[in-house]
Amino acid sequence: MKKSVSNRIRITKTGKVIRRAMGQDHFRAKKRGAQLNRRKKIRGIDDLSKKIVKKYL
């Protein structure tokens, strides 16, 4: 298992691959509150990326 991949994504019980939205930690002072609120949601990954990710897990 690749540690870098396992830190960034997670596979749910139903088999969905989810990730955290980027741009939440670094240089937050420049960003509006609405931008940060949008980034707090958990994001999915498309089908092509799922195949690549599952290879590394």
PDB file of N, CA and C in Angstrom:
ATOM      1  N   MET A   1       0.842  -1.173   0.000  1.00  0.00           N
ATOM      2  CA  MET A   1       0.000   0.000   0.000  1.00  0.00           C
ATOM      3  C   MET A   1       0.894   1.246   0.000  1.00  0.00           C
ATOM      4  N   LYS A   2       0.561   2.207  -0.828  1.00  0.00           N
ATOM      5  CA  LYS A   2       1.296   3.461  -0.860  1.00  0.00           C
ATOM      6  C   LYS A   2       0.783   4.370   0.245  1.00  0.00           C
ATOM      7  N   LYS A   3       1.659   4.810   1.109  1.00  0.00           N
ATOM      8  CA  LYS A   3       1.256   5.621   2.253  1.00  0.00           C
ATOM      9  C   LYS A   3       0.716   6.977   1.818  1.00  0.00           C
ATOM     10  N   SER A   4       1.275   7.558   0.762  1.00  0.00           N
ATOM     11  CA  SER A   4       0.812   8.871   0.320  1.00  0.00           C
ATOM     12  C   SER A   4      -0.620   8.813  -0.188  1.00  0.00           C
ATOM     13  N   VAL A   5      -0.989   7.727  -0.842  1.00  0.00           N
ATOM     14  CA  VAL A   5      -2.354   7.580  -1.344  1.00  0.00           C
ATOM     15  C   VAL A   5      -3.309   7.322  -0.194  1.00  0.00           C
ATOM     16  N   SER A   6      -2.904   6.505   0.755  1.00  0.00           N
ATOM     17  CA  SER A   6      -3.796   6.181   1.861  1.00  0.00           C
ATOM     18  C   SER A   6      -4.041   7.378   2.769  1.00  0.00           C
ATOM     19  N   ASN A   7      -3.126   8.349   2.792  1.00  0.00           N
ATOM     20  CA  ASN A   7      -3.343   9.551   3.592  1.00  0.00           C
ATOM     21  C   ASN A   7      -4.347  10.488   2.945  1.00  0.00           C
ATOM     22  N   ARG A   8      -4.448  10.472   1.631  1.00  0.00           N
ATOM     23  CA  ARG A   8      -5.259  11.445   0.926  1.00  0.00           C
ATOM     24  C   ARG A   8      -6.676  10.978   0.612  1.00  0.00           C
ATOM     25  N   ILE A   9      -6.887   9.690   0.493  1.00  0.00           N
ATOM     26  CA  ILE A   9      -8.209   9.193   0.098  1.00  0.00           C
ATOM     27  C   ILE A   9      -8.671   8.097   1.038  1.00  0.00           C
ATOM     28  N   ARG A  10      -9.944   7.768   0.943  1.00  0.00           N
ATOM     29  CA  ARG A  10     -10.531   6.747   1.809  1.00  0.00           C
ATOM     30  C   ARG A  10     -11.597   6.013   1.011  1.00  0.00           C
ATOM     31  N   ILE A  11     -11.731   4.728   1.237  1.00  0.00           N
ATOM     32  CA  ILE A  11     -12.768   3.937   0.591  1.00  0.00           C
ATOM     33  C   ILE A  11     -13.849   3.649   1.626  1.00  0.00           C
ATOM     34  N   THR A  12     -15.098   3.977   1.278  1.00  0.00           N
ATOM     35  CA  THR A  12     -16.212   3.784   2.200  1.00  0.00           C
ATOM     36  C   THR A  12     -16.642   2.319   2.211  1.00  0.00           C
ATOM     37  N   LYS A  13     -17.589   1.996   3.079  1.00  0.00           N
ATOM     38  CA  LYS A  13     -18.087   0.623   3.157  1.00  0.00           C
ATOM     39  C   LYS A  13     -18.775   0.191   1.876  1.00  0.00           C
ATOM     40  N   THR A  14     -19.399   1.152   1.180  1.00  0.00           N
ATOM     41  CA  THR A  14     -20.104   0.818  -0.058  1.00  0.00           C
ATOM     42  C   THR A  14     -19.187   0.810  -1.269  1.00  0.00           C
ATOM     43  N   GLY A  15     -17.897   1.149  -1.089  1.00  0.00           N
ATOM     44  CA  GLY A  15     -16.938   1.086  -2.180  1.00  0.00           C
ATOM     45  C   GLY A  15     -16.666   2.409  -2.863  1.00  0.00           C
ATOM     46  N   LYS A  16     -17.221   3.509  -2.345  1.00  0.00           N
ATOM     47  CA  LYS A  16     -16.957   4.814  -2.935  1.00  0.00           C
ATOM     48  C   LYS A  16     -15.576   5.289  -2.507  1.00  0.00           C
ATOM     49  N   VAL A  17     -14.910   5.989  -3.414  1.00  0.00           N
ATOM     50  CA  VAL A  17     -13.607   6.562  -3.108  1.00  0.00           C
ATOM     51  C   VAL A  17     -13.821   8.051  -2.873  1.00  0.00           C
ATOM     52  N   ILE A  18     -13.470   8.531  -1.677  1.00  0.00           N
ATOM     53  CA  ILE A  18     -13.686   9.940  -1.356  1.00  0.00           C
ATOM     54  C   ILE A  18     -12.364  10.585  -0.984  1.00  0.00           C
ATOM     55  N   ARG A  19     -12.331  11.903  -1.141  1.00  0.00           N
ATOM     56  CA  ARG A  19     -11.124  12.667  -0.839  1.00  0.00           C
ATOM     57  C   ARG A  19     -11.526  13.974  -0.178  1.00  0.00           C
ATOM     58  N   ARG A  20     -10.560  14.659   0.346  1.00  0.00           N
ATOM     59  CA  ARG A  20     -10.760  15.965   0.961  1.00  0.00           C
ATOM     60  C   ARG A  20     -10.442  17.023  -0.078  1.00  0.00           C
ATOM     61  N   ALA A  21     -11.222  18.095  -0.113  1.00  0.00           N
ATOM     62  CA  ALA A  21     -10.975  19.177  -1.065  1.00  0.00           C
ATOM     63  C   ALA A  21      -9.673  19.885  -0.713  1.00  0.00           C
ATOM     64  N   MET A  22      -8.916  20.284  -1.733  1.00  0.00           N
ATOM     65  CA  MET A  22      -7.635  20.931  -1.475  1.00  0.00           C
ATOM     66  C   MET A  22      -7.835  22.428  -1.237  1.00  0.00           C
ATOM     67  N   GLY A  23      -6.802  23.077  -0.715  1.00  0.00           N
ATOM     68  CA  GLY A  23      -6.818  24.510  -0.512  1.00  0.00           C
ATOM     69  C   GLY A  23      -7.488  24.955   0.768  1.00  0.00           C
ATOM     70  N   GLN A  24      -7.443  24.134   1.815  1.00  0.00           N
ATOM     71  CA  GLN A  24      -8.085  24.510   3.076  1.00  0.00           C
ATOM     72  C   GLN A  24      -7.095  24.980   4.139  1.00  0.00           C
ATOM     73  N   ASP A  25      -5.848  24.639   4.036  1.00  0.00           N
ATOM     74  CA  ASP A  25      -4.917  24.904   5.117  1.00  0.00           C
ATOM     75  C   ASP A  25      -3.967  26.066   4.860  1.00  0.00           C
ATOM     76  N   HIS A  26      -3.395  26.134   3.690  1.00  0.00           N
ATOM     77  CA  HIS A  26      -2.304  27.056   3.417  1.00  0.00           C
ATOM     78  C   HIS A  26      -2.847  28.328   2.778  1.00  0.00           C
ATOM     79  N   PHE A  27      -2.418  29.492   3.235  1.00  0.00           N
ATOM     80  CA  PHE A  27      -2.843  30.809   2.725  1.00  0.00           C
ATOM     81  C   PHE A  27      -4.346  31.007   2.862  1.00  0.00           C
ATOM     82  N   ARG A  28      -4.875  30.763   4.027  1.00  0.00           N
ATOM     83  CA  ARG A  28      -6.320  30.898   4.247  1.00  0.00           C
ATOM     84  C   ARG A  28      -6.766  32.348   4.345  1.00  0.00           C
ATOM     85  N   ALA A  29      -5.866  33.256   4.694  1.00  0.00           N
ATOM     86  CA  ALA A  29      -6.256  34.647   4.925  1.00  0.00           C
ATOM     87  C   ALA A  29      -6.764  35.316   3.654  1.00  0.00           C
ATOM     88  N   LYS A  30      -6.281  34.879   2.508  1.00  0.00           N
ATOM     89  CA  LYS A  30      -6.685  35.487   1.237  1.00  0.00           C
ATOM     90  C   LYS A  30      -8.056  35.016   0.784  1.00  0.00           C
ATOM     91  N   LYS A  31      -8.510  33.893   1.290  1.00  0.00           N
ATOM     92  CA  LYS A  31      -9.726  33.272   0.764  1.00  0.00           C
ATOM     93  C   LYS A  31     -10.962  33.784   1.505  1.00  0.00           C
ATOM     94  N   ARG A  32     -12.046  33.897   0.770  1.00  0.00           N
ATOM     95  CA  ARG A  32     -13.318  34.302   1.363  1.00  0.00           C
ATOM     96  C   ARG A  32     -13.894  33.145   2.173  1.00  0.00           C
ATOM     97  N   GLY A  33     -14.789  33.479   3.093  1.00  0.00           N
ATOM     98  CA  GLY A  33     -15.423  32.457   3.921  1.00  0.00           C
ATOM     99  C   GLY A  33     -16.248  31.493   3.106  1.00  0.00           C
ATOM    100  N   ALA A  34     -16.891  31.996   2.041  1.00  0.00           N
ATOM    101  CA  ALA A  34     -17.703  31.128   1.187  1.00  0.00           C
ATOM    102  C   ALA A  34     -16.838  30.094   0.478  1.00  0.00           C
ATOM    103  N   GLN A  35     -15.645  30.502   0.089  1.00  0.00           N
ATOM    104  CA  GLN A  35     -14.743  29.548  -0.566  1.00  0.00           C
ATOM    105  C   GLN A  35     -14.346  28.438   0.395  1.00  0.00           C
ATOM    106  N   LEU A  36     -14.035  28.815   1.622  1.00  0.00           N
ATOM    107  CA  LEU A  36     -13.621  27.814   2.598  1.00  0.00           C
ATOM    108  C   LEU A  36     -14.772  26.883   2.953  1.00  0.00           C
ATOM    109  N   ASN A  37     -15.987  27.413   3.032  1.00  0.00           N
ATOM    110  CA  ASN A  37     -17.139  26.565   3.330  1.00  0.00           C
ATOM    111  C   ASN A  37     -17.393  25.560   2.217  1.00  0.00           C
ATOM    112  N   ARG A  38     -17.195  25.960   0.979  1.00  0.00           N
ATOM    113  CA  ARG A  38     -17.364  25.024  -0.137  1.00  0.00           C
ATOM    114  C   ARG A  38     -16.334  23.912  -0.087  1.00  0.00           C
ATOM    115  N   ARG A  39     -15.134  24.242   0.384  1.00  0.00           N
ATOM    116  CA  ARG A  39     -14.068  23.247   0.408  1.00  0.00           C
ATOM    117  C   ARG A  39     -14.175  22.278   1.572  1.00  0.00           C
ATOM    118  N   LYS A  40     -15.052  22.528   2.523  1.00  0.00           N
ATOM    119  CA  LYS A  40     -15.196  21.632   3.669  1.00  0.00           C
ATOM    120  C   LYS A  40     -15.937  20.358   3.313  1.00  0.00           C
ATOM    121  N   LYS A  41     -16.627  20.341   2.169  1.00  0.00           N
ATOM    122  CA  LYS A  41     -17.378  19.158   1.768  1.00  0.00           C
ATOM    123  C   LYS A  41     -16.427  18.063   1.285  1.00  0.00           C
ATOM    124  N   ILE A  42     -16.843  16.840   1.509  1.00  0.00           N
ATOM    125  CA  ILE A  42     -16.070  15.698   1.039  1.00  0.00           C
ATOM    126  C   ILE A  42     -16.349  15.522  -0.450  1.00  0.00           C
ATOM    127  N   ARG A  43     -15.322  15.276  -1.226  1.00  0.00           N
ATOM    128  CA  ARG A  43     -15.454  15.149  -2.670  1.00  0.00           C
ATOM    129  C   ARG A  43     -15.319  13.694  -3.089  1.00  0.00           C
ATOM    130  N   GLY A  44     -15.907  13.355  -4.198  1.00  0.00           N
ATOM    131  CA  GLY A  44     -15.764  12.028  -4.767  1.00  0.00           C
ATOM    132  C   GLY A  44     -14.663  12.015  -5.811  1.00  0.00           C
ATOM    133  N   ILE A  45     -14.402  10.871  -6.350  1.00  0.00           N
ATOM    134  CA  ILE A  45     -13.395  10.720  -7.403  1.00  0.00           C
ATOM    135  C   ILE A  45     -14.055  10.024  -8.576  1.00  0.00           C
ATOM    136  N   ASP A  46     -13.719  10.448  -9.798  1.00  0.00           N
ATOM    137  CA  ASP A  46     -14.346   9.863 -10.982  1.00  0.00           C
ATOM    138  C   ASP A  46     -13.868   8.430 -11.226  1.00  0.00           C
ATOM    139  N   ASP A  47     -14.524   7.740 -12.153  1.00  0.00           N
ATOM    140  CA  ASP A  47     -14.309   6.300 -12.349  1.00  0.00           C
ATOM    141  C   ASP A  47     -12.893   5.954 -12.792  1.00  0.00           C
ATOM    142  N   LEU A  48     -12.316   6.767 -13.677  1.00  0.00           N
ATOM    143  CA  LEU A  48     -10.971   6.470 -14.166  1.00  0.00           C
ATOM    144  C   LEU A  48      -9.962   6.558 -13.020  1.00  0.00           C
ATOM    145  N   SER A  49     -10.113   7.566 -12.180  1.00  0.00           N
ATOM    146  CA  SER A  49      -9.201   7.714 -11.049  1.00  0.00           C
ATOM    147  C   SER A  49      -9.388   6.610 -10.023  1.00  0.00           C
ATOM    148  N   LYS A  50     -10.609   6.089  -9.904  1.00  0.00           N
ATOM    149  CA  LYS A  50     -10.855   5.001  -8.951  1.00  0.00           C
ATOM    150  C   LYS A  50     -10.021   3.784  -9.282  1.00  0.00           C
ATOM    151  N   LYS A  51      -9.913   3.478 -10.571  1.00  0.00           N
ATOM    152  CA  LYS A  51      -9.118   2.315 -10.977  1.00  0.00           C
ATOM    153  C   LYS A  51      -7.654   2.512 -10.610  1.00  0.00           C
ATOM    154  N   ILE A  52      -7.153   3.723 -10.826  1.00  0.00           N
ATOM    155  CA  ILE A  52      -5.759   4.003 -10.522  1.00  0.00           C
ATOM    156  C   ILE A  52      -5.527   3.952  -9.017  1.00  0.00           C
ATOM    157  N   VAL A  53      -6.443   4.519  -8.252  1.00  0.00           N
ATOM    158  CA  VAL A  53      -6.296   4.569  -6.799  1.00  0.00           C
ATOM    159  C   VAL A  53      -6.359   3.173  -6.200  1.00  0.00           C
ATOM    160  N   LYS A  54      -7.294   2.362  -6.647  1.00  0.00           N
ATOM    161  CA  LYS A  54      -7.431   1.011  -6.094  1.00  0.00           C
ATOM    162  C   LYS A  54      -6.201   0.159  -6.361  1.00  0.00           C
ATOM    163  N   LYS A  55      -5.461   0.500  -7.423  1.00  0.00           N
ATOM    164  CA  LYS A  55      -4.222  -0.227  -7.711  1.00  0.00           C
ATOM    165  C   LYS A  55      -3.189   0.021  -6.612  1.00  0.00           C
ATOM    166  N   TYR A  56      -3.176   1.222  -6.052  1.00  0.00           N
ATOM    167  CA  TYR A  56      -2.191   1.568  -5.037  1.00  0.00           C
ATOM    168  C   TYR A  56      -2.610   1.195  -3.630  1.00  0.00           C
ATOM    169  N   LEU A  57      -3.889   0.865  -3.427  1.00  0.00           N
ATOM    170  CA  LEU A  57      -4.338   0.527  -2.067  1.00  0.00           C
ATOM    171  C   LEU A  57      -4.245  -0.937  -1.775  1.00  0.00           C
TER     172      LEU A  57
END
